[in-house]
C-alpha atoms as a PDB file:
ATOM      1  CA  MET A   1       0.000   0.000   0.000  1.00  0.00           C
ATOM      2  CA  SER A   2       1.438   3.335  -1.015  1.00  0.00           C
ATOM      3  CA  ASN A   3      -0.301   6.683  -0.958  1.00  0.00           C
ATOM      4  CA  THR A   4       2.570   9.120  -1.235  1.00  0.00           C
ATOM      5  CA  ASP A   5       0.318  11.791  -2.781  1.00  0.00           C
ATOM      6  CA  ASN A   6      -1.889  11.850   0.336  1.00  0.00           C
ATOM      7  CA  LEU A   7      -5.001  11.460  -1.793  1.00  0.00           C
ATOM      8  CA  PRO A   8      -8.253  10.253  -0.234  1.00  0.00           C
ATOM      9  CA  LEU A   9      -8.260   6.435  -0.137  1.00  0.00           C
ATOM     10  CA  VAL A  10     -11.172   4.516  -1.628  1.00  0.00           C
ATOM     11  CA  TYR A  11     -11.357   0.804  -0.817  1.00  0.00           C
ATOM     12  CA  PHE A  12     -13.685  -1.242  -3.040  1.00  0.00           C
ATOM     13  CA  LEU A  13     -14.856  -4.547  -1.584  1.00  0.00           C
ATOM     14  CA  GLY A  14     -16.469  -7.463  -3.359  1.00  0.00           C
ATOM     15  CA  ALA A  15     -16.780 -11.146  -2.654  1.00  0.00           C
ATOM     16  CA  ASN A  16     -13.992 -12.580  -4.811  1.00  0.00           C
ATOM     17  CA  ASN A  17     -12.094  -9.499  -6.049  1.00  0.00           C
ATOM     18  CA  VAL A  18     -11.800 -10.751  -9.624  1.00  0.00           C
ATOM     19  CA  GLU A  19     -14.636  -8.753 -11.248  1.00  0.00           C
ATOM     20  CA  LYS A  20     -16.624  -5.756  -9.920  1.00  0.00           C
ATOM     21  CA  SER A  21     -14.450  -4.534  -7.054  1.00  0.00           C
ATOM     22  CA  ALA A  22     -11.303  -4.948  -9.159  1.00  0.00           C
ATOM     23  CA  MET A  23     -12.922  -3.107 -12.080  1.00  0.00           C
ATOM     24  CA  ALA A  24     -14.007  -0.270  -9.764  1.00  0.00           C
ATOM     25  CA  GLU A  25     -10.431   0.074  -8.487  1.00  0.00           C
ATOM     26  CA  ALA A  26      -8.964   0.120 -12.008  1.00  0.00           C
ATOM     27  CA  ILE A  27     -11.578   2.588 -13.292  1.00  0.00           C
ATOM     28  CA  THR A  28     -11.073   4.932 -10.335  1.00  0.00           C
ATOM     29  CA  ASN A  29      -7.296   4.971 -10.661  1.00  0.00           C
ATOM     30  CA  ALA A  30      -7.438   5.374 -14.457  1.00  0.00           C
ATOM     31  CA  ARG A  31     -10.115   8.084 -14.619  1.00  0.00           C
ATOM     32  CA  HIS A  32      -9.665   9.907 -11.304  1.00  0.00           C
ATOM     33  CA  GLY A  33      -6.213   8.980 -10.059  1.00  0.00           C
ATOM     34  CA  ASN A  34      -5.567  12.678  -9.516  1.00  0.00           C
ATOM     35  CA  LEU A  35      -8.417  12.753  -6.949  1.00  0.00           C
ATOM     36  CA  PHE A  36      -8.326   9.348  -5.247  1.00  0.00           C
ATOM     37  CA  LYS A  37      -6.081   6.377  -4.638  1.00  0.00           C
ATOM     38  CA  ALA A  38      -8.180   3.241  -4.994  1.00  0.00           C
ATOM     39  CA  TYR A  39      -7.614  -0.308  -3.800  1.00  0.00           C
ATOM     40  CA  SER A  40      -9.841  -3.372  -3.872  1.00  0.00           C
ATOM     41  CA  ALA A  41     -10.218  -6.653  -2.039  1.00  0.00           C
ATOM     42  CA  GLY A  42     -12.513  -9.621  -1.578  1.00  0.00           C
ATOM     43  CA  THR A  43     -14.206 -10.614   1.648  1.00  0.00           C
ATOM     44  CA  ASN A  44     -14.452 -14.246   0.634  1.00  0.00           C
ATOM     45  CA  CYS A  45     -11.716 -14.583  -1.944  1.00  0.00           C
ATOM     46  CA  GLU A  46      -9.033 -17.088  -2.604  1.00  0.00           C
ATOM     47  CA  PRO A  47      -5.814 -15.035  -2.800  1.00  0.00           C
ATOM     48  CA  ASP A  48      -3.912 -14.646  -6.060  1.00  0.00           C
ATOM     49  CA  LEU A  49      -6.662 -15.632  -8.506  1.00  0.00           C
ATOM     50  CA  PRO A  50      -6.364 -13.929 -11.901  1.00  0.00           C
ATOM     51  CA  ARG A  51      -8.871 -11.251 -12.861  1.00  0.00           C
ATOM     52  CA  ASP A  52     -11.876 -12.375 -14.892  1.00  0.00           C
ATOM     53  CA  ALA A  53     -10.830 -12.471 -18.567  1.00  0.00           C
ATOM     54  CA  ASP A  54     -14.062 -10.856 -19.816  1.00  0.00           C
ATOM     55  CA  CYS A  55     -13.656  -8.002 -17.317  1.00  0.00           C
ATOM     56  CA  VAL A  56     -10.014  -7.527 -18.334  1.00  0.00           C
ATOM     57  CA  ALA A  57     -11.062  -7.323 -22.010  1.00  0.00           C
ATOM     58  CA  ALA A  58     -13.977  -4.959 -21.273  1.00  0.00           C
ATOM     59  CA  CYS A  59     -11.683  -2.603 -19.376  1.00  0.00           C
ATOM     60  CA  ALA A  60      -9.011  -2.763 -22.077  1.00  0.00           C
ATOM     61  CA  GLU A  61     -11.622  -1.752 -24.648  1.00  0.00           C
ATOM     62  CA  ALA A  62     -12.160   1.431 -22.597  1.00  0.00           C
ATOM     63  CA  GLY A  63      -8.417   2.077 -22.287  1.00  0.00           C
ATOM     64  CA  ILE A  64      -8.271   0.869 -18.679  1.00  0.00           C
ATOM     65  CA  THR A  65      -5.745  -1.675 -17.470  1.00  0.00           C
ATOM     66  CA  LEU A  66      -7.202  -4.328 -15.169  1.00  0.00           C
ATOM     67  CA  ASP A  67      -4.348  -6.424 -13.877  1.00  0.00           C
ATOM     68  CA  GLY A  68      -3.188  -7.976 -10.642  1.00  0.00           C
ATOM     69  CA  VAL A  69      -4.705 -10.832  -8.688  1.00  0.00           C
ATOM     70  CA  SER A  70      -7.403 -11.250  -6.057  1.00  0.00           C
ATOM     71  CA  THR A  71      -6.569  -9.897  -2.632  1.00  0.00           C
ATOM     72  CA  PRO A  72      -8.246 -10.539   0.732  1.00  0.00           C
ATOM     73  CA  VAL A  73      -9.358  -7.608   2.899  1.00  0.00           C
ATOM     74  CA  ASP A  74      -6.491  -5.767   4.579  1.00  0.00           C
ATOM     75  CA  GLU A  75      -7.512  -4.358   7.982  1.00  0.00           C
ATOM     76  CA  GLU A  76      -4.936  -1.561   7.742  1.00  0.00           C
ATOM     77  CA  LEU A  77      -6.508  -0.357   4.482  1.00  0.00           C
ATOM     78  CA  LEU A  78      -9.978  -0.761   5.972  1.00  0.00           C
ATOM     79  CA  ARG A  79      -8.912   1.436   8.890  1.00  0.00           C
ATOM     80  CA  SER A  80      -7.207   4.117   6.803  1.00  0.00           C
ATOM     81  CA  ALA A  81      -9.657   4.377   3.880  1.00  0.00           C
ATOM     82  CA  ASN A  82     -11.737   7.529   3.600  1.00  0.00           C
ATOM     83  CA  LEU A  83     -14.429   5.588   1.751  1.00  0.00           C
ATOM     84  CA  VAL A  84     -15.098   1.856   1.831  1.00  0.00           C
ATOM     85  CA  ILE A  85     -17.445   0.953  -1.007  1.00  0.00           C
ATOM     86  CA  ILE A  86     -19.127  -2.441  -1.077  1.00  0.00           C
ATOM     87  CA  VAL A  87     -19.781  -3.388  -4.701  1.00  0.00           C
ATOM     88  CA  SER A  88     -22.457  -5.968  -3.967  1.00  0.00           C
ATOM     89  CA  ARG A  89     -26.109  -6.145  -3.008  1.00  0.00           C
ATOM     90  CA  LYS A  90     -25.737  -8.854  -0.366  1.00  0.00           C
ATOM     91  CA  MET A  91     -22.234  -8.683   1.051  1.00  0.00           C
ATOM     92  CA  THR A  92     -21.587  -6.925   4.354  1.00  0.00           C
ATOM     93  CA  ILE A  93     -18.543  -5.904   6.333  1.00  0.00           C
ATOM     94  CA  ASP A  94     -18.331  -4.663   9.888  1.00  0.00           C
ATOM     95  CA  PRO A  95     -16.327  -1.577  10.797  1.00  0.00           C
ATOM     96  CA  VAL A  96     -12.994  -2.275  12.478  1.00  0.00           C
ATOM     97  CA  PRO A  97     -11.633  -0.428  15.524  1.00  0.00           C
ATOM     98  CA  GLY A  98      -9.929   2.800  14.506  1.00  0.00           C
ATOM     99  CA  MET A  99     -11.711   2.992  11.160  1.00  0.00           C
ATOM    100  CA  LYS A 100     -11.796   6.617  10.002  1.00  0.00           C
ATOM    101  CA  GLY A 101     -13.916   6.402   6.855  1.00  0.00           C
ATOM    102  CA  ILE A 102     -17.490   5.580   6.008  1.00  0.00           C
ATOM    103  CA  ILE A 103     -18.937   2.451   4.423  1.00  0.00           C
ATOM    104  CA  LEU A 104     -21.097   2.863   1.316  1.00  0.00           C
ATOM    105  CA  ARG A 105     -22.914   0.252  -0.757  1.00  0.00           C
ATOM    106  CA  TRP A 106     -23.189   0.253  -4.513  1.00  0.00           C
ATOM    107  CA  GLY A 107     -25.862  -2.381  -5.038  1.00  0.00           C
ATOM    108  CA  VAL A 108     -24.944  -3.537  -8.507  1.00  0.00           C
ATOM    109  CA  ASP A 109     -27.619  -5.362 -10.475  1.00  0.00           C
ATOM    110  CA  GLU A 110     -26.145  -8.631 -11.691  1.00  0.00           C
ATOM    111  CA  PRO A 111     -26.631  -9.048 -15.465  1.00  0.00           C
ATOM    112  CA  ALA A 112     -26.252 -12.821 -15.079  1.00  0.00           C
ATOM    113  CA  ASP A 113     -29.573 -12.814 -13.192  1.00  0.00           C
ATOM    114  CA  THR A 114     -31.251 -11.891 -16.480  1.00  0.00           C
ATOM    115  CA  GLY A 115     -29.279 -14.347 -18.596  1.00  0.00           C
ATOM    116  CA  ILE A 116     -26.574 -11.935 -19.752  1.00  0.00           C
ATOM    117  CA  SER A 117     -23.122 -13.465 -19.536  1.00  0.00           C
ATOM    118  CA  GLY A 118     -19.581 -13.288 -20.846  1.00  0.00           C
ATOM    119  CA  ARG A 119     -18.277 -10.193 -22.510  1.00  0.00           C
ATOM    120  CA  GLU A 120     -21.691  -8.529 -22.751  1.00  0.00           C
ATOM    121  CA  ARG A 121     -22.066  -8.859 -18.968  1.00  0.00           C
ATOM    122  CA  ALA A 122     -18.575  -7.451 -18.392  1.00  0.00           C
ATOM    123  CA  ASN A 123     -19.284  -4.489 -20.699  1.00  0.00           C
ATOM    124  CA  LEU A 124     -22.473  -3.656 -18.783  1.00  0.00           C
ATOM    125  CA  LEU A 125     -20.663  -3.862 -15.453  1.00  0.00           C
ATOM    126  CA  ARG A 126     -17.811  -1.690 -16.763  1.00  0.00           C
ATOM    127  CA  ASP A 127     -20.161   0.991 -18.057  1.00  0.00           C
ATOM    128  CA  TYR A 128     -22.172   1.026 -14.832  1.00  0.00           C
ATOM    129  CA  LEU A 129     -19.025   1.293 -12.715  1.00  0.00           C
ATOM    130  CA  ILE A 130     -17.661   4.104 -14.896  1.00  0.00           C
ATOM    131  CA  ARG A 131     -20.850   6.088 -14.230  1.00  0.00           C
ATOM    132  CA  ARG A 132     -20.695   5.371 -10.491  1.00  0.00           C
ATOM    133  CA  VAL A 133     -17.005   6.301 -10.201  1.00  0.00           C
ATOM    134  CA  ASP A 134     -17.524   9.499 -12.225  1.00  0.00           C
ATOM    135  CA  ALA A 135     -20.477  10.435  -9.989  1.00  0.00           C
ATOM    136  CA  LEU A 136     -18.344   9.752  -6.921  1.00  0.00           C
ATOM    137  CA  ALA A 137     -15.641  12.090  -8.231  1.00  0.00           C
ATOM    138  CA  VAL A 138     -18.204  14.852  -8.778  1.00  0.00           C
ATOM    139  CA  GLY A 139     -20.050  14.392  -5.481  1.00  0.00           C
ATOM    140  CA  ALA A 140     -17.249  13.630  -3.058  1.00  0.00           C
ATOM    141  CA  MET A 141     -14.644  16.191  -4.037  1.00  0.00           C
ATOM    142  CA  THR A 142     -14.383  19.914  -3.345  1.00  0.00           C
ATOM    143  CA  SER A 143     -13.132  22.401  -5.922  1.00  0.00           C
ATOM    144  CA  ASP A 144      -9.642  22.283  -4.374  1.00  0.00           C
ATOM    145  CA  GLY A 145      -9.429  18.503  -4.825  1.00  0.00           C
ATOM    146  CA  THR A 146      -9.987  17.366  -1.243  1.00  0.00           C
ATOM    147  CA  LEU A 147     -12.640  15.020   0.073  1.00  0.00           C
ATOM    148  CA  ARG A 148     -15.747  17.041   0.916  1.00  0.00           C
ATOM    149  CA  SER A 149     -16.157  17.335   4.674  1.00  0.00           C
ATOM    150  CA  GLY A 150     -19.110  15.313   5.873  1.00  0.00           C
ATOM    151  CA  TYR A 151     -19.473  13.402   2.599  1.00  0.00           C
ATOM    152  CA  ARG A 152     -21.943  10.596   3.274  1.00  0.00           C
ATOM    153  CA  GLY A 153     -22.184   8.975  -0.133  1.00  0.00           C
ATOM    154  CA  GLU A 154     -25.003  10.972  -1.615  1.00  0.00           C
ATOM    155  CA  ASP A 155     -26.001   9.351  -4.868  1.00  0.00           C
ATOM    156  CA  ILE A 156     -25.848  11.905  -7.657  1.00  0.00           C
ATOM    157  CA  LEU A 157     -26.187   9.490 -10.548  1.00  0.00           C
ATOM    158  CA  ASP A 158     -29.382  11.204 -11.632  1.00  0.00           C
ATOM    159  CA  GLN A 159     -27.303  14.363 -12.254  1.00  0.00           C
ATOM    160  CA  THR A 160     -24.699  12.510 -14.316  1.00  0.00           C
ATOM    161  CA  GLY A 161     -26.899  10.501 -16.648  1.00  0.00           C
ATOM    162  CA  GLY A 162     -27.423   7.432 -14.482  1.00  0.00           C
ATOM    163  CA  GLN A 163     -30.706   6.001 -13.313  1.00  0.00           C
ATOM    164  CA  LYS A 164     -30.788   6.592  -9.580  1.00  0.00           C
ATOM    165  CA  SER A 165     -34.055   4.869  -8.809  1.00  0.00           C
ATOM    166  CA  SER A 166     -33.843   1.714 -10.870  1.00  0.00           C
ATOM    167  CA  ARG A 167     -30.047   1.361 -11.114  1.00  0.00           C
ATOM    168  CA  ARG A 168     -30.508  -0.685 -14.265  1.00  0.00           C
ATOM    169  CA  LEU A 169     -27.361  -1.539 -16.095  1.00  0.00           C
ATOM    170  CA  THR A 170     -27.216  -0.028 -19.544  1.00  0.00           C
ATOM    171  CA  SER A 171     -24.366   0.465 -21.943  1.00  0.00           C
ATOM    172  CA  VAL A 172     -22.705   3.867 -22.181  1.00  0.00           C
ATOM    173  CA  LYS A 173     -22.989   5.123 -25.745  1.00  0.00           C
END
């Protein structure tokens, strides 16, 4: 873990850390690395698994590098993160002693639940996460590039072209 720029830390958590949480980390660092330093982990992951190939390809198509391997939750990162974002509808995590940040949930609709799989599924997830990360950058940051005091994870997707109420996954055109 290295945050030599003293940027706000965002810690994305998923179950296995090979798809959504890893994509969110890569998207955040690629698109808003001047505002945040992002990491990701899995709460129930086997360490050192490769990233999902469809997710890697979907990110590459958008000019985003998704590399690395699955990583279990690191309590030091959990404690030091400004924002801990759970990228799952069902997963939970309890705060740890000394935790300074807040826990948010991005309840991602799973395309596989509607029969969408493979690369199409990965593209939908990528596009959804791009919108969420972009909305986070707009809502959480002040004009001088610091984390807005008292930020509580207000969802501003409706102001950035997302669908706040239904959170349906759609492709970005």
